Amino acid sequence: MDASPRQFDPVRYKQTTREQWETAAEPWHRWGTLLTRWLGPPTDTMLDMAGIGEGSRVLDVAAGAGDQTIQVARRVGPGGHVRATDLSPTILKFAAERARAAGLTNVETHELDGENLTELEAGSFDAVISRVGMIYFPDQQRALAGMRHALRPGGRVAAMVYSTADKNGFFSIPVSIIRRRAQLPPPLPGQPGPFSLGGEGVLEKALVDAGFTDVDVQVVDAPVRVEAAGECLAFEKESFGALHQMMSGLSEDEKTSVWNEIEDELRKFETDGGFEGPCELVIAAGTK
């Protein structure tokens, strides 16, 4: 029997993550209205903390389907510029289409791994942002070093992440149910994941360790509000590729049973006014 300790494989993880987002690109784009309603206000806070205004040049790392990219592009105006990067070319196509549909000419997309930002011209951006992206980087310090490289002196970086699992029931409940039903081991120390930067002081320390100064942190309550638990389940089932990856070893009947259990558990967040899934975000910003 092989008793060797488990090891995290960052290369395989990155490949799997790219595959997941290639598959989830269309539904993530399709659920854009919910994303705007849910994450729009805390994104404004992140942009304020990054000092983004009229005429700013902004790098959006792990941009996804471009919801926050559009928000930035409107804020910086025609005199500013936004470059949206992601490791999934398909999801960037949706970001580009969305920018064109909005009549925005100050957006460009660039397929690029968030850990390879040193490929960009040094000091070419006033601000760098990453909305719920850094949590999935195997080497977060490498990503932050690349962000620092891309910033001009005095420029600001800002990142948004989920806080701890107990404050994010809308996501942690499905993860815990799947982990139990699929008999998955706990995450390895240092392994990336949804709550990997959410502990008190963790994101702040990451920015300080990367050489950023004047680090500011805000914790924001951002509940997921939809009509019913079934709608939240549909959003996660269609858009959260990692959940499907966790269930890859289960039969179709077992998967159906797991989704049913998740919906039953999510129903505890339903009220007469609809569904309100707990979500708490940590936003941190620092200066180069």
Protein backbone atom coordinates (compact mmCIF):
# COMPACT_ATOMS: atom_id res chain seq x y z
CA MET A 1 0.00 0.00 0.00
CA ASP A 2 1.34 3.43 -0.95
CA ALA A 3 1.60 5.47 2.26
CA SER A 4 3.37 8.45 0.68
CA PRO A 5 1.85 11.81 1.62
CA ARG A 6 -0.44 13.55 -0.85
CA GLN A 7 1.14 16.36 -2.79
CA PHE A 8 -0.47 19.28 -4.53
CA ASP A 9 0.29 19.41 -8.26
CA PRO A 10 0.09 23.08 -9.35
CA VAL A 11 0.56 22.27 -13.04
CA ARG A 12 -2.31 19.80 -13.15
CA TYR A 13 -4.41 22.15 -11.02
CA LYS A 14 -3.86 24.97 -13.49
CA GLN A 15 -4.82 22.73 -16.41
CA THR A 16 -7.99 21.63 -14.64
CA THR A 17 -8.88 25.21 -13.72
CA ARG A 18 -8.54 26.31 -17.34
CA GLU A 19 -10.74 23.43 -18.48
CA GLN A 20 -13.36 24.32 -15.87
CA TRP A 21 -13.58 27.94 -16.97
CA GLU A 22 -13.64 27.02 -20.63
CA THR A 23 -16.76 24.95 -19.82
CA ALA A 24 -18.28 27.50 -17.43
CA ALA A 25 -17.65 30.53 -19.67
CA GLU A 26 -21.08 30.65 -21.31
CA PRO A 27 -23.15 30.22 -18.13
CA TRP A 28 -20.92 32.67 -16.22
CA HIS A 29 -21.66 35.19 -18.97
CA ARG A 30 -25.36 34.29 -18.98
CA TRP A 31 -25.64 34.92 -15.23
CA GLY A 32 -24.06 38.35 -15.67
CA THR A 33 -27.13 40.24 -14.43
CA LEU A 34 -26.97 38.40 -11.11
CA LEU A 35 -23.22 39.01 -10.85
CA THR A 36 -23.71 42.74 -11.42
CA ARG A 37 -26.47 42.96 -8.83
CA TRP A 38 -24.53 40.88 -6.29
CA LEU A 39 -20.93 42.06 -6.73
CA GLY A 40 -21.42 45.49 -8.29
CA PRO A 41 -21.49 47.52 -5.02
CA PRO A 42 -18.42 45.83 -3.46
CA THR A 43 -16.64 46.22 -6.80
CA ASP A 44 -17.20 49.98 -6.56
CA THR A 45 -15.56 49.84 -3.13
CA MET A 46 -12.61 47.95 -4.61
CA LEU A 47 -12.23 50.50 -7.42
CA ASP A 48 -12.34 53.36 -4.90
CA MET A 49 -9.63 51.66 -2.83
CA ALA A 50 -7.52 51.25 -5.98
CA GLY A 51 -7.82 54.98 -6.72
CA ILE A 52 -9.38 54.36 -10.13
CA GLY A 53 -10.90 57.41 -11.79
CA GLU A 54 -11.29 59.26 -15.05
CA GLY A 55 -8.39 58.50 -17.39
CA SER A 56 -6.89 55.62 -15.37
CA ARG A 57 -5.13 52.72 -17.09
CA VAL A 58 -6.27 49.52 -15.37
CA LEU A 59 -5.23 45.87 -15.53
CA ASP A 60 -8.04 43.44 -14.64
CA VAL A 61 -6.52 40.08 -13.65
CA ALA A 62 -8.63 36.90 -13.87
CA ALA A 63 -11.33 39.06 -15.44
CA GLY A 64 -13.74 36.27 -16.35
CA ALA A 65 -16.64 37.32 -18.55
CA GLY A 66 -15.88 40.97 -17.93
CA ASP A 67 -18.61 42.12 -15.55
CA GLN A 68 -16.21 44.22 -13.47
CA THR A 69 -14.24 45.12 -16.61
CA ILE A 70 -17.30 46.98 -17.91
CA GLN A 71 -17.69 48.69 -14.52
CA VAL A 72 -14.07 49.88 -14.70
CA ALA A 73 -14.34 50.96 -18.34
CA ARG A 74 -17.30 53.20 -17.58
CA ARG A 75 -15.52 54.72 -14.61
CA VAL A 76 -12.27 55.53 -16.44
CA GLY A 77 -14.10 56.96 -19.46
CA PRO A 78 -12.85 57.31 -23.04
CA GLY A 79 -9.56 58.76 -21.84
CA GLY A 80 -8.81 55.65 -19.79
CA HIS A 81 -8.11 52.06 -20.72
CA VAL A 82 -8.80 48.57 -19.32
CA ARG A 83 -6.93 45.40 -20.21
CA ALA A 84 -8.81 42.26 -19.15
CA THR A 85 -6.68 39.13 -18.72
CA ASP A 86 -7.70 35.55 -18.04
CA LEU A 87 -6.33 32.07 -18.70
CA SER A 88 -9.57 31.06 -20.48
CA PRO A 89 -9.81 32.34 -24.07
CA THR A 90 -13.49 31.45 -24.31
CA ILE A 91 -14.50 33.51 -21.30
CA LEU A 92 -12.53 36.47 -22.66
CA LYS A 93 -14.53 36.28 -25.90
CA PHE A 94 -17.66 36.93 -23.84
CA ALA A 95 -15.92 39.85 -22.11
CA ALA A 96 -15.00 41.36 -25.48
CA GLU A 97 -18.53 40.85 -26.83
CA ARG A 98 -20.01 42.49 -23.77
CA ALA A 99 -17.74 45.51 -24.14
CA ARG A 100 -18.67 45.88 -27.82
CA ALA A 101 -22.37 45.57 -27.01
CA ALA A 102 -21.97 48.35 -24.43
CA GLY A 103 -20.30 50.58 -27.03
CA LEU A 104 -17.05 50.70 -25.06
CA THR A 105 -13.88 51.21 -27.09
CA ASN A 106 -11.48 51.46 -24.15
CA VAL A 107 -11.38 47.70 -23.38
CA GLU A 108 -8.98 45.07 -24.70
CA THR A 109 -8.68 41.40 -23.76
CA HIS A 110 -5.48 39.40 -23.38
CA GLU A 111 -5.25 35.66 -22.74
CA LEU A 112 -2.69 35.48 -19.94
CA ASP A 113 -2.14 33.40 -16.83
CA GLY A 114 -2.38 35.60 -13.74
CA GLU A 115 0.95 34.23 -12.56
CA ASN A 116 2.73 35.37 -15.74
CA LEU A 117 2.11 39.12 -15.57
CA THR A 118 5.82 39.91 -15.85
CA GLU A 119 5.28 39.37 -19.59
CA LEU A 120 3.55 42.76 -19.61
CA GLU A 121 5.41 46.04 -19.98
CA ALA A 122 6.72 47.21 -16.61
CA GLY A 123 5.00 50.19 -14.99
CA SER A 124 2.31 50.45 -17.66
CA PHE A 125 -0.80 50.61 -15.43
CA ASP A 126 -2.13 53.02 -12.81
CA ALA A 127 -4.06 50.27 -11.04
CA VAL A 128 -4.37 46.49 -11.01
CA ILE A 129 -7.49 44.71 -9.76
CA SER A 130 -8.52 41.10 -9.26
CA ARG A 131 -12.08 40.24 -8.27
CA VAL A 132 -12.38 36.79 -6.66
CA GLY A 133 -9.47 35.57 -8.76
CA MET A 134 -6.39 35.46 -6.56
CA ILE A 135 -7.87 32.67 -4.43
CA TYR A 136 -7.36 30.26 -7.34
CA PHE A 137 -3.67 31.06 -8.00
CA PRO A 138 -1.35 28.27 -6.82
CA ASP A 139 1.49 30.81 -6.39
CA GLN A 140 -0.18 33.93 -5.04
CA GLN A 141 3.12 35.70 -4.36
CA ARG A 142 4.17 35.20 -7.97
CA ALA A 143 0.87 36.72 -9.08
CA LEU A 144 1.32 39.70 -6.76
CA ALA A 145 4.89 40.19 -7.94
CA GLY A 146 3.57 40.35 -11.50
CA MET A 147 0.93 42.87 -10.50
CA ARG A 148 3.61 45.02 -8.85
CA HIS A 149 5.72 44.75 -12.00
CA ALA A 150 2.84 46.01 -14.14
CA LEU A 151 2.12 49.00 -11.88
CA ARG A 152 3.71 52.41 -12.21
CA PRO A 153 5.39 53.74 -9.06
CA GLY A 154 2.63 54.99 -6.75
CA GLY A 155 0.02 52.83 -8.49
CA ARG A 156 -2.43 50.77 -6.49
CA VAL A 157 -3.35 47.08 -6.48
CA ALA A 158 -6.72 45.92 -5.11
CA ALA A 159 -8.07 42.40 -4.66
CA MET A 160 -11.42 41.01 -3.56
CA VAL A 161 -11.73 37.54 -2.01
CA TYR A 162 -14.26 35.54 -0.01
CA SER A 163 -13.70 35.65 3.74
CA THR A 164 -14.05 32.45 5.77
CA ALA A 165 -16.27 29.45 5.01
CA ASP A 166 -18.55 30.11 7.99
CA LYS A 167 -19.41 33.56 6.60
CA ASN A 168 -20.10 32.29 3.05
CA GLY A 169 -22.77 29.63 3.42
CA PHE A 170 -24.04 30.07 -0.13
CA PHE A 171 -20.76 28.51 -1.35
CA SER A 172 -19.32 26.62 1.63
CA ILE A 173 -22.44 24.48 2.12
CA PRO A 174 -22.28 23.00 -1.41
CA VAL A 175 -18.52 22.47 -1.04
CA SER A 176 -18.85 20.70 2.31
CA ILE A 177 -21.71 18.46 1.13
CA ILE A 178 -19.85 17.43 -2.01
CA ARG A 179 -16.63 16.83 -0.07
CA ARG A 180 -18.50 14.53 2.35
CA ARG A 181 -20.54 12.69 -0.27
CA ALA A 182 -17.56 12.21 -2.62
CA GLN A 183 -15.33 11.25 0.33
CA LEU A 184 -12.73 13.81 -0.61
CA PRO A 185 -9.82 14.57 1.72
CA PRO A 186 -9.47 18.07 3.17
CA PRO A 187 -7.47 20.62 1.15
CA LEU A 188 -3.71 20.42 1.54
CA PRO A 189 -1.96 23.26 3.41
CA GLY A 190 -1.33 26.17 1.06
CA GLN A 191 -3.63 24.78 -1.62
CA PRO A 192 -5.64 27.43 -3.50
CA GLY A 193 -9.39 27.50 -3.05
CA PRO A 194 -12.39 29.74 -2.38
CA PHE A 195 -11.45 30.56 1.22
CA SER A 196 -7.66 30.41 0.96
CA LEU A 197 -7.19 34.16 1.55
CA GLY A 198 -10.21 34.82 3.74
CA GLY A 199 -8.79 34.48 7.25
CA GLU A 200 -8.19 37.57 9.35
CA GLY A 201 -5.08 39.36 8.16
CA VAL A 202 -4.20 36.80 5.47
CA LEU A 203 -4.83 38.96 2.39
CA GLU A 204 -3.22 41.98 4.06
CA LYS A 205 -0.09 39.95 4.86
CA ALA A 206 0.07 38.67 1.28
CA LEU A 207 0.19 42.25 -0.04
CA VAL A 208 2.76 43.34 2.54
CA ASP A 209 4.95 40.31 1.80
CA ALA A 210 4.80 41.24 -1.90
CA GLY A 211 6.23 44.69 -1.10
CA PHE A 212 3.09 46.83 -1.17
CA THR A 213 2.71 49.68 1.32
CA ASP A 214 -0.21 51.69 2.72
CA VAL A 215 -2.29 48.51 2.76
CA ASP A 216 -5.96 49.12 3.47
CA VAL A 217 -8.51 46.37 4.20
CA GLN A 218 -12.30 46.42 4.24
CA VAL A 219 -14.71 43.59 5.05
CA VAL A 220 -17.97 43.85 3.12
CA ASP A 221 -21.25 42.00 3.58
CA ALA A 222 -22.54 40.97 0.14
CA PRO A 223 -25.41 38.44 0.42
CA VAL A 224 -26.54 36.61 -2.69
CA ARG A 225 -30.16 37.66 -3.18
CA VAL A 226 -32.35 35.70 -5.60
CA GLU A 227 -35.96 34.51 -5.60
CA ALA A 228 -35.43 31.05 -4.12
CA ALA A 229 -32.83 28.43 -3.18
CA GLY A 230 -33.45 26.70 -6.50
CA GLU A 231 -32.23 29.77 -8.38
CA CYS A 232 -29.03 29.93 -6.32
CA LEU A 233 -28.55 26.21 -6.96
CA ALA A 234 -28.99 26.72 -10.71
CA PHE A 235 -26.44 29.53 -10.69
CA GLU A 236 -23.86 27.43 -8.88
CA LYS A 237 -24.66 24.23 -10.77
CA GLU A 238 -24.23 25.93 -14.13
CA SER A 239 -21.39 28.33 -13.36
CA PHE A 240 -19.16 26.87 -10.64
CA GLY A 241 -17.02 24.38 -12.53
CA ALA A 242 -15.05 23.41 -9.42
CA LEU A 243 -18.16 21.82 -7.91
CA HIS A 244 -18.50 19.52 -10.92
CA GLN A 245 -14.83 18.65 -10.75
CA MET A 246 -15.24 17.64 -7.10
CA MET A 247 -18.08 15.29 -8.10
CA SER A 248 -16.30 13.74 -11.07
CA GLY A 249 -16.00 10.36 -9.34
CA LEU A 250 -19.71 10.04 -8.58
CA SER A 251 -22.35 8.33 -10.70
CA GLU A 252 -25.09 10.39 -12.32
CA ASP A 253 -27.62 9.20 -9.73
CA GLU A 254 -25.23 10.13 -6.93
CA LYS A 255 -24.69 13.57 -8.45
CA THR A 256 -28.45 14.14 -8.64
CA SER A 257 -28.77 13.14 -4.99
CA VAL A 258 -25.98 15.55 -4.02
CA TRP A 259 -27.58 18.48 -5.84
CA ASN A 260 -30.89 17.69 -4.13
CA GLU A 261 -29.22 17.70 -0.72
CA ILE A 262 -27.53 21.01 -1.48
CA GLU A 263 -30.84 22.60 -2.45
CA ASP A 264 -32.47 21.29 0.72
CA GLU A 265 -29.69 22.84 2.82
CA LEU A 266 -29.78 26.14 0.95
CA ARG A 267 -33.49 26.47 1.66
CA LYS A 268 -32.66 27.55 5.21
CA PHE A 269 -31.68 30.90 3.70
CA GLU A 270 -35.15 31.44 2.24
CA THR A 271 -37.46 34.00 3.84
CA ASP A 272 -40.79 35.55 2.89
CA GLY A 273 -38.78 38.08 0.90
CA GLY A 274 -36.83 35.50 -1.08
CA PHE A 275 -33.44 33.82 -0.80
CA GLU A 276 -30.52 35.57 0.91
CA GLY A 277 -27.33 33.49 0.90
CA PRO A 278 -24.63 34.65 3.31
CA CYS A 279 -21.53 36.06 1.61
CA GLU A 280 -18.75 38.12 3.18
CA LEU A 281 -15.92 39.59 1.14
CA VAL A 282 -12.50 40.93 2.05
CA ILE A 283 -11.09 43.73 -0.08
CA ALA A 284 -7.49 44.84 0.30
CA ALA A 285 -5.47 47.46 -1.55
CA GLY A 286 -1.85 48.55 -1.44
CA THR A 287 0.58 50.96 -3.13
CA LYS A 288 3.70 50.20 -5.16
